[in-house]
Amino acid sequence: MSGILDLLNSDPGQSIISGVSNDTKQPQNKTQDVLTMALPVLMAAMKINT
């Protein structure tokens, strides 16, 4: 799971965070916090469904 979270700290991950932040009109730090919490939950749900 750390590999997924490491993605958010990479350049492409920061680009994703920036895009989501702009789309939702929320600060980048809050967007990153939400995505950091949500990605493991989404990955676990996908694992169950496969």
N, C-alpha and C. Protein backbone atom coordinates (compact mmCIF):
# COMPACT_ATOMS: atom_id res chain seq x y z
N MET A 1 0.83 -1.20 0.00
CA MET A 1 0.00 0.00 0.00
C MET A 1 0.87 1.25 0.00
N SER A 2 2.09 1.14 0.54
CA SER A 2 2.94 2.33 0.57
C SER A 2 3.29 2.80 -0.83
N GLY A 3 3.34 1.89 -1.80
CA GLY A 3 3.64 2.29 -3.17
C GLY A 3 2.60 3.25 -3.73
N ILE A 4 1.34 3.00 -3.38
CA ILE A 4 0.26 3.89 -3.83
C ILE A 4 0.41 5.26 -3.17
N LEU A 5 0.72 5.26 -1.89
CA LEU A 5 0.87 6.54 -1.19
C LEU A 5 2.12 7.28 -1.64
N ASP A 6 3.17 6.52 -2.02
CA ASP A 6 4.38 7.15 -2.55
C ASP A 6 4.08 7.89 -3.85
N LEU A 7 3.10 7.39 -4.60
CA LEU A 7 2.70 8.04 -5.84
C LEU A 7 2.28 9.48 -5.59
N LEU A 8 1.58 9.72 -4.51
CA LEU A 8 1.11 11.09 -4.22
C LEU A 8 2.27 12.06 -3.97
N ASN A 9 3.40 11.53 -3.53
CA ASN A 9 4.55 12.39 -3.25
C ASN A 9 5.44 12.58 -4.47
N SER A 10 5.14 11.87 -5.56
CA SER A 10 5.94 12.01 -6.77
C SER A 10 5.44 13.20 -7.60
N ASP A 11 6.17 13.53 -8.64
CA ASP A 11 5.75 14.63 -9.51
C ASP A 11 4.39 14.37 -10.15
N PRO A 12 4.15 13.16 -10.70
CA PRO A 12 2.81 12.92 -11.26
C PRO A 12 1.72 12.98 -10.19
N GLY A 13 2.03 12.50 -9.00
CA GLY A 13 1.05 12.55 -7.90
C GLY A 13 0.72 13.98 -7.52
N GLN A 14 1.72 14.83 -7.49
CA GLN A 14 1.47 16.23 -7.16
C GLN A 14 0.64 16.90 -8.25
N SER A 15 0.83 16.46 -9.48
CA SER A 15 0.02 16.96 -10.58
C SER A 15 -1.45 16.54 -10.41
N ILE A 16 -1.66 15.29 -9.99
CA ILE A 16 -3.01 14.79 -9.73
C ILE A 16 -3.66 15.59 -8.61
N ILE A 17 -2.91 15.79 -7.54
CA ILE A 17 -3.43 16.56 -6.39
C ILE A 17 -3.79 17.97 -6.81
N SER A 18 -2.92 18.58 -7.59
CA SER A 18 -3.17 19.94 -8.06
C SER A 18 -4.43 20.00 -8.91
N GLY A 19 -4.60 19.02 -9.80
CA GLY A 19 -5.78 19.00 -10.66
C GLY A 19 -7.07 18.81 -9.87
N VAL A 20 -7.05 17.88 -8.92
CA VAL A 20 -8.23 17.65 -8.08
C VAL A 20 -8.52 18.88 -7.24
N SER A 21 -7.47 19.48 -6.72
CA SER A 21 -7.61 20.69 -5.90
C SER A 21 -8.26 21.81 -6.70
N ASN A 22 -7.80 21.99 -7.92
CA ASN A 22 -8.38 23.03 -8.78
C ASN A 22 -9.82 22.73 -9.14
N ASP A 23 -10.11 21.47 -9.44
CA ASP A 23 -11.48 21.08 -9.82
C ASP A 23 -12.46 21.26 -8.67
N THR A 24 -12.00 20.98 -7.44
CA THR A 24 -12.88 21.06 -6.28
C THR A 24 -12.80 22.39 -5.55
N LYS A 25 -11.91 23.26 -6.00
CA LYS A 25 -11.71 24.58 -5.38
C LYS A 25 -11.35 24.46 -3.89
N GLN A 26 -10.53 23.44 -3.57
CA GLN A 26 -10.08 23.22 -2.21
C GLN A 26 -8.56 23.41 -2.13
N PRO A 27 -8.03 23.74 -0.95
CA PRO A 27 -6.58 23.88 -0.81
C PRO A 27 -5.86 22.56 -1.10
N GLN A 28 -4.66 22.66 -1.64
CA GLN A 28 -3.90 21.46 -2.00
C GLN A 28 -3.60 20.58 -0.80
N ASN A 29 -3.30 21.18 0.35
CA ASN A 29 -2.95 20.36 1.51
C ASN A 29 -4.16 19.53 1.98
N LYS A 30 -5.35 20.10 1.93
CA LYS A 30 -6.55 19.35 2.32
C LYS A 30 -6.85 18.27 1.28
N THR A 31 -6.66 18.59 0.02
CA THR A 31 -6.89 17.62 -1.04
C THR A 31 -5.93 16.45 -0.88
N GLN A 32 -4.67 16.73 -0.59
CA GLN A 32 -3.69 15.66 -0.40
C GLN A 32 -4.06 14.80 0.80
N ASP A 33 -4.51 15.41 1.88
CA ASP A 33 -4.92 14.64 3.06
C ASP A 33 -6.07 13.70 2.74
N VAL A 34 -7.07 14.21 2.01
CA VAL A 34 -8.22 13.38 1.65
C VAL A 34 -7.80 12.23 0.74
N LEU A 35 -6.98 12.52 -0.26
CA LEU A 35 -6.54 11.47 -1.17
C LEU A 35 -5.67 10.44 -0.45
N THR A 36 -4.86 10.88 0.49
CA THR A 36 -4.03 9.97 1.26
C THR A 36 -4.90 9.01 2.08
N MET A 37 -6.00 9.50 2.58
CA MET A 37 -6.91 8.63 3.34
C MET A 37 -7.76 7.76 2.40
N ALA A 38 -8.16 8.31 1.26
CA ALA A 38 -9.09 7.61 0.38
C ALA A 38 -8.45 6.52 -0.46
N LEU A 39 -7.22 6.70 -0.90
CA LEU A 39 -6.60 5.73 -1.79
C LEU A 39 -6.51 4.32 -1.19
N PRO A 40 -6.07 4.16 0.06
CA PRO A 40 -6.03 2.80 0.62
C PRO A 40 -7.42 2.17 0.70
N VAL A 41 -8.43 2.96 1.01
CA VAL A 41 -9.80 2.44 1.10
C VAL A 41 -10.26 1.99 -0.29
N LEU A 42 -10.01 2.81 -1.29
CA LEU A 42 -10.40 2.45 -2.66
C LEU A 42 -9.66 1.21 -3.15
N MET A 43 -8.38 1.12 -2.84
CA MET A 43 -7.59 -0.05 -3.26
C MET A 43 -8.09 -1.32 -2.57
N ALA A 44 -8.45 -1.24 -1.31
CA ALA A 44 -8.97 -2.40 -0.59
C ALA A 44 -10.30 -2.84 -1.18
N ALA A 45 -11.15 -1.89 -1.52
CA ALA A 45 -12.43 -2.21 -2.13
C ALA A 45 -12.24 -2.85 -3.50
N MET A 46 -11.28 -2.37 -4.27
CA MET A 46 -11.00 -2.96 -5.57
C MET A 46 -10.47 -4.37 -5.41
N LYS A 47 -9.65 -4.59 -4.40
CA LYS A 47 -9.10 -5.92 -4.15
C LYS A 47 -10.21 -6.91 -3.83
N ILE A 48 -11.19 -6.48 -3.04
CA ILE A 48 -12.30 -7.35 -2.69
C ILE A 48 -13.14 -7.69 -3.92
N ASN A 49 -13.28 -6.74 -4.83
CA ASN A 49 -14.13 -6.93 -6.00
C ASN A 49 -13.45 -7.70 -7.13
N THR A 50 -12.16 -7.98 -7.00
CA THR A 50 -11.48 -8.70 -8.08
C THR A 50 -11.38 -10.18 -7.79
